[in-house]
Amino acid sequence: MPPVVLALRRLPSPRLTGLGAGLFASAVMLAIGFLDLLLLDGSPVVYGLLFLPVSALTALWVRTADLVTAPIGVPIAFAVGVLPIAGGTGGLGGQAMAVVTALAVHAGWLYGGTLVAGIIASVRKVRDMGRRQQRTRTATGTAGTNGAAGAAGAVAKSSKAAKAR
């Protein structure tokens, strides 16, 4: 196997609920926002680049039953994390306008991360549906063979009984 695949398999594989995945993404993005403000004076490119792996990890770590929440939670996390780097002045109104402006200006990163989470969640869902269908085929294939043999035997017995009458 390629070393990249081996390295990815060594990563932890937690299964977060939908709420847990949203909280994870929001907390990490808020921390990234504060670190970006502290170290790089609020660089939106660094923030956007770091949003992409957070989106991927969120989609990878959410439970299979909650896969639909990954593409919903990551844009919220982006908005939470952009609060420190948005920059607004003039109270709550100025801060709100700065956040809305930052979301509009950096919509490409927002859409990109949401797309990453959506693709990963969709692939995981399709693979899960395939595994479930394979298990159903295996279970019904074994039962179907026995059921067909039993049905054929019942037809043969009923035709013998009909001939005997």
Protein backbone atom coordinates (compact mmCIF):
# COMPACT_ATOMS: atom_id res chain seq x y z
CA MET A 1 0.00 0.00 0.00
CA PRO A 2 1.12 3.57 -0.59
CA PRO A 3 2.58 5.30 2.47
CA VAL A 4 -0.13 7.97 2.33
CA VAL A 5 -2.87 5.35 2.75
CA LEU A 6 -0.98 3.75 5.64
CA ALA A 7 -0.58 7.14 7.31
CA LEU A 8 -4.29 7.89 6.90
CA ARG A 9 -5.23 4.54 8.41
CA ARG A 10 -3.18 5.37 11.51
CA LEU A 11 -5.27 8.47 12.17
CA PRO A 12 -7.85 8.17 14.94
CA SER A 13 -11.32 7.21 13.85
CA PRO A 14 -13.72 8.72 16.36
CA ARG A 15 -17.43 8.65 15.60
CA LEU A 16 -19.03 11.93 16.57
CA THR A 17 -22.74 12.59 16.70
CA GLY A 18 -24.09 15.32 14.46
CA LEU A 19 -24.04 17.81 17.32
CA GLY A 20 -20.58 16.67 18.39
CA ALA A 21 -19.23 17.09 14.87
CA GLY A 22 -20.66 20.61 14.68
CA LEU A 23 -19.21 21.50 18.07
CA PHE A 24 -15.85 19.99 17.10
CA ALA A 25 -15.69 21.99 13.87
CA SER A 26 -16.85 25.20 15.58
CA ALA A 27 -14.34 24.90 18.43
CA VAL A 28 -11.46 24.12 16.10
CA MET A 29 -12.33 26.95 13.72
CA LEU A 30 -12.68 29.42 16.60
CA ALA A 31 -9.26 28.35 17.88
CA ILE A 32 -7.82 28.68 14.37
CA GLY A 33 -9.40 32.13 14.06
CA PHE A 34 -7.81 33.32 17.30
CA LEU A 35 -4.44 31.81 16.42
CA ASP A 36 -4.62 33.38 12.97
CA LEU A 37 -5.37 36.75 14.51
CA LEU A 38 -2.58 36.37 17.05
CA LEU A 39 0.14 35.02 14.76
CA LEU A 40 -0.70 36.28 11.28
CA ASP A 41 -2.86 39.34 11.96
CA GLY A 42 -6.03 37.68 10.64
CA SER A 43 -4.90 36.28 7.30
CA PRO A 44 -8.04 35.09 5.48
CA VAL A 45 -6.07 32.83 3.12
CA VAL A 46 -4.53 30.87 5.99
CA TYR A 47 -7.91 30.67 7.69
CA GLY A 48 -9.53 29.40 4.50
CA LEU A 49 -6.78 26.87 3.84
CA LEU A 50 -7.10 25.49 7.36
CA PHE A 51 -10.88 25.33 7.02
CA LEU A 52 -10.61 22.69 4.28
CA PRO A 53 -8.96 19.96 6.41
CA VAL A 54 -11.28 20.74 9.31
CA SER A 55 -14.22 20.21 6.96
CA ALA A 56 -12.74 16.92 5.77
CA LEU A 57 -12.08 15.68 9.31
CA THR A 58 -15.57 16.63 10.39
CA ALA A 59 -17.09 14.63 7.52
CA LEU A 60 -14.78 11.69 8.21
CA TRP A 61 -15.41 11.58 11.94
CA VAL A 62 -19.20 11.98 12.02
CA ARG A 63 -21.24 8.83 12.60
CA THR A 64 -22.80 7.13 9.61
CA ALA A 65 -26.29 7.84 10.94
CA ASP A 66 -25.49 11.57 11.14
CA LEU A 67 -23.71 12.03 7.81
CA VAL A 68 -26.19 14.63 6.63
CA THR A 69 -25.09 17.00 9.40
CA ALA A 70 -21.48 17.34 8.20
CA PRO A 71 -22.21 19.66 5.25
CA ILE A 72 -24.57 21.62 7.48
CA GLY A 73 -22.23 22.04 10.45
CA VAL A 74 -19.07 23.15 8.66
CA PRO A 75 -20.45 26.44 7.25
CA ILE A 76 -21.67 27.29 10.73
CA ALA A 77 -18.19 26.52 12.05
CA PHE A 78 -16.70 28.79 9.39
CA ALA A 79 -18.95 31.63 10.53
CA VAL A 80 -18.07 31.04 14.19
CA GLY A 81 -14.36 31.00 13.45
CA VAL A 82 -14.43 34.13 11.29
CA LEU A 83 -15.55 36.24 14.28
CA PRO A 84 -12.01 36.98 15.54
CA ILE A 85 -10.52 37.78 12.14
CA ALA A 86 -13.47 39.79 10.75
CA GLY A 87 -12.19 42.97 12.33
CA GLY A 88 -15.26 45.21 12.86
CA THR A 89 -15.34 48.36 14.93
CA GLY A 90 -18.14 50.39 16.42
CA GLY A 91 -19.90 47.95 18.70
CA LEU A 92 -22.19 45.02 17.94
CA GLY A 93 -23.51 46.47 14.67
CA GLY A 94 -20.02 47.10 13.32
CA GLN A 95 -18.91 43.61 14.32
CA ALA A 96 -21.99 42.04 12.68
CA MET A 97 -21.35 43.96 9.45
CA ALA A 98 -17.71 42.88 9.49
CA VAL A 99 -18.72 39.22 9.88
CA VAL A 100 -21.28 39.45 7.07
CA THR A 101 -18.70 41.15 4.85
CA ALA A 102 -16.06 38.53 5.69
CA LEU A 103 -18.52 35.73 4.89
CA ALA A 104 -19.37 37.36 1.56
CA VAL A 105 -15.78 38.09 0.59
CA HIS A 106 -14.51 34.64 1.58
CA ALA A 107 -17.47 32.69 0.22
CA GLY A 108 -15.12 30.67 -2.00
CA TRP A 109 -13.44 29.09 1.01
CA LEU A 110 -16.83 28.56 2.62
CA TYR A 111 -18.23 26.83 -0.46
CA GLY A 112 -15.04 24.83 -0.92
CA GLY A 113 -15.09 23.45 2.60
CA THR A 114 -18.78 22.70 2.38
CA LEU A 115 -18.18 20.90 -0.91
CA VAL A 116 -15.36 18.86 0.64
CA ALA A 117 -17.60 17.84 3.54
CA GLY A 118 -20.50 17.08 1.19
CA ILE A 119 -18.42 14.91 -1.13
CA ILE A 120 -16.86 12.95 1.72
CA ALA A 121 -20.24 12.46 3.40
CA SER A 122 -21.81 11.38 0.10
CA VAL A 123 -19.05 8.87 -0.64
CA ARG A 124 -19.30 7.46 2.87
CA LYS A 125 -23.09 7.15 2.51
CA VAL A 126 -22.84 5.41 -0.88
CA ARG A 127 -20.24 2.98 0.49
CA ASP A 128 -22.44 2.29 3.51
CA MET A 129 -25.46 1.66 1.29
CA GLY A 130 -23.37 -0.73 -0.84
CA ARG A 131 -22.20 -2.63 2.24
CA ARG A 132 -25.75 -2.83 3.53
CA GLN A 133 -27.00 -4.07 0.16
CA GLN A 134 -24.21 -6.66 0.03
CA ARG A 135 -25.15 -7.92 3.50
CA THR A 136 -28.79 -8.13 2.41
CA ARG A 137 -27.84 -10.04 -0.74
CA THR A 138 -25.70 -12.42 1.25
CA ALA A 139 -28.44 -12.99 3.81
CA THR A 140 -31.24 -13.40 1.27
CA GLY A 141 -29.03 -15.36 -1.14
CA THR A 142 -28.53 -18.07 1.46
CA ALA A 143 -32.14 -17.96 2.56
CA GLY A 144 -33.34 -17.59 -1.03
CA THR A 145 -31.58 -20.82 -2.09
CA ASN A 146 -33.11 -22.75 0.77
CA GLY A 147 -36.44 -21.04 0.20
CA ALA A 148 -36.42 -21.92 -3.52
CA ALA A 149 -35.54 -25.52 -2.78
CA GLY A 150 -38.30 -25.67 -0.20
CA ALA A 151 -40.79 -24.14 -2.61
CA ALA A 152 -39.79 -26.55 -5.38
CA GLY A 153 -40.21 -29.45 -2.99
CA ALA A 154 -43.65 -28.23 -1.97
CA VAL A 155 -44.73 -27.94 -5.62
CA ALA A 156 -43.46 -31.45 -6.35
CA LYS A 157 -45.32 -32.89 -3.36
CA SER A 158 -48.54 -31.09 -4.31
CA SER A 159 -48.33 -32.34 -7.92
CA LYS A 160 -47.75 -35.93 -6.70
CA ALA A 161 -50.70 -35.60 -4.39
CA ALA A 162 -52.84 -34.26 -7.24
CA LYS A 163 -51.86 -37.19 -9.50
CA ALA A 164 -52.62 -39.69 -6.76
CA ARG A 165 -56.17 -38.42 -6.44
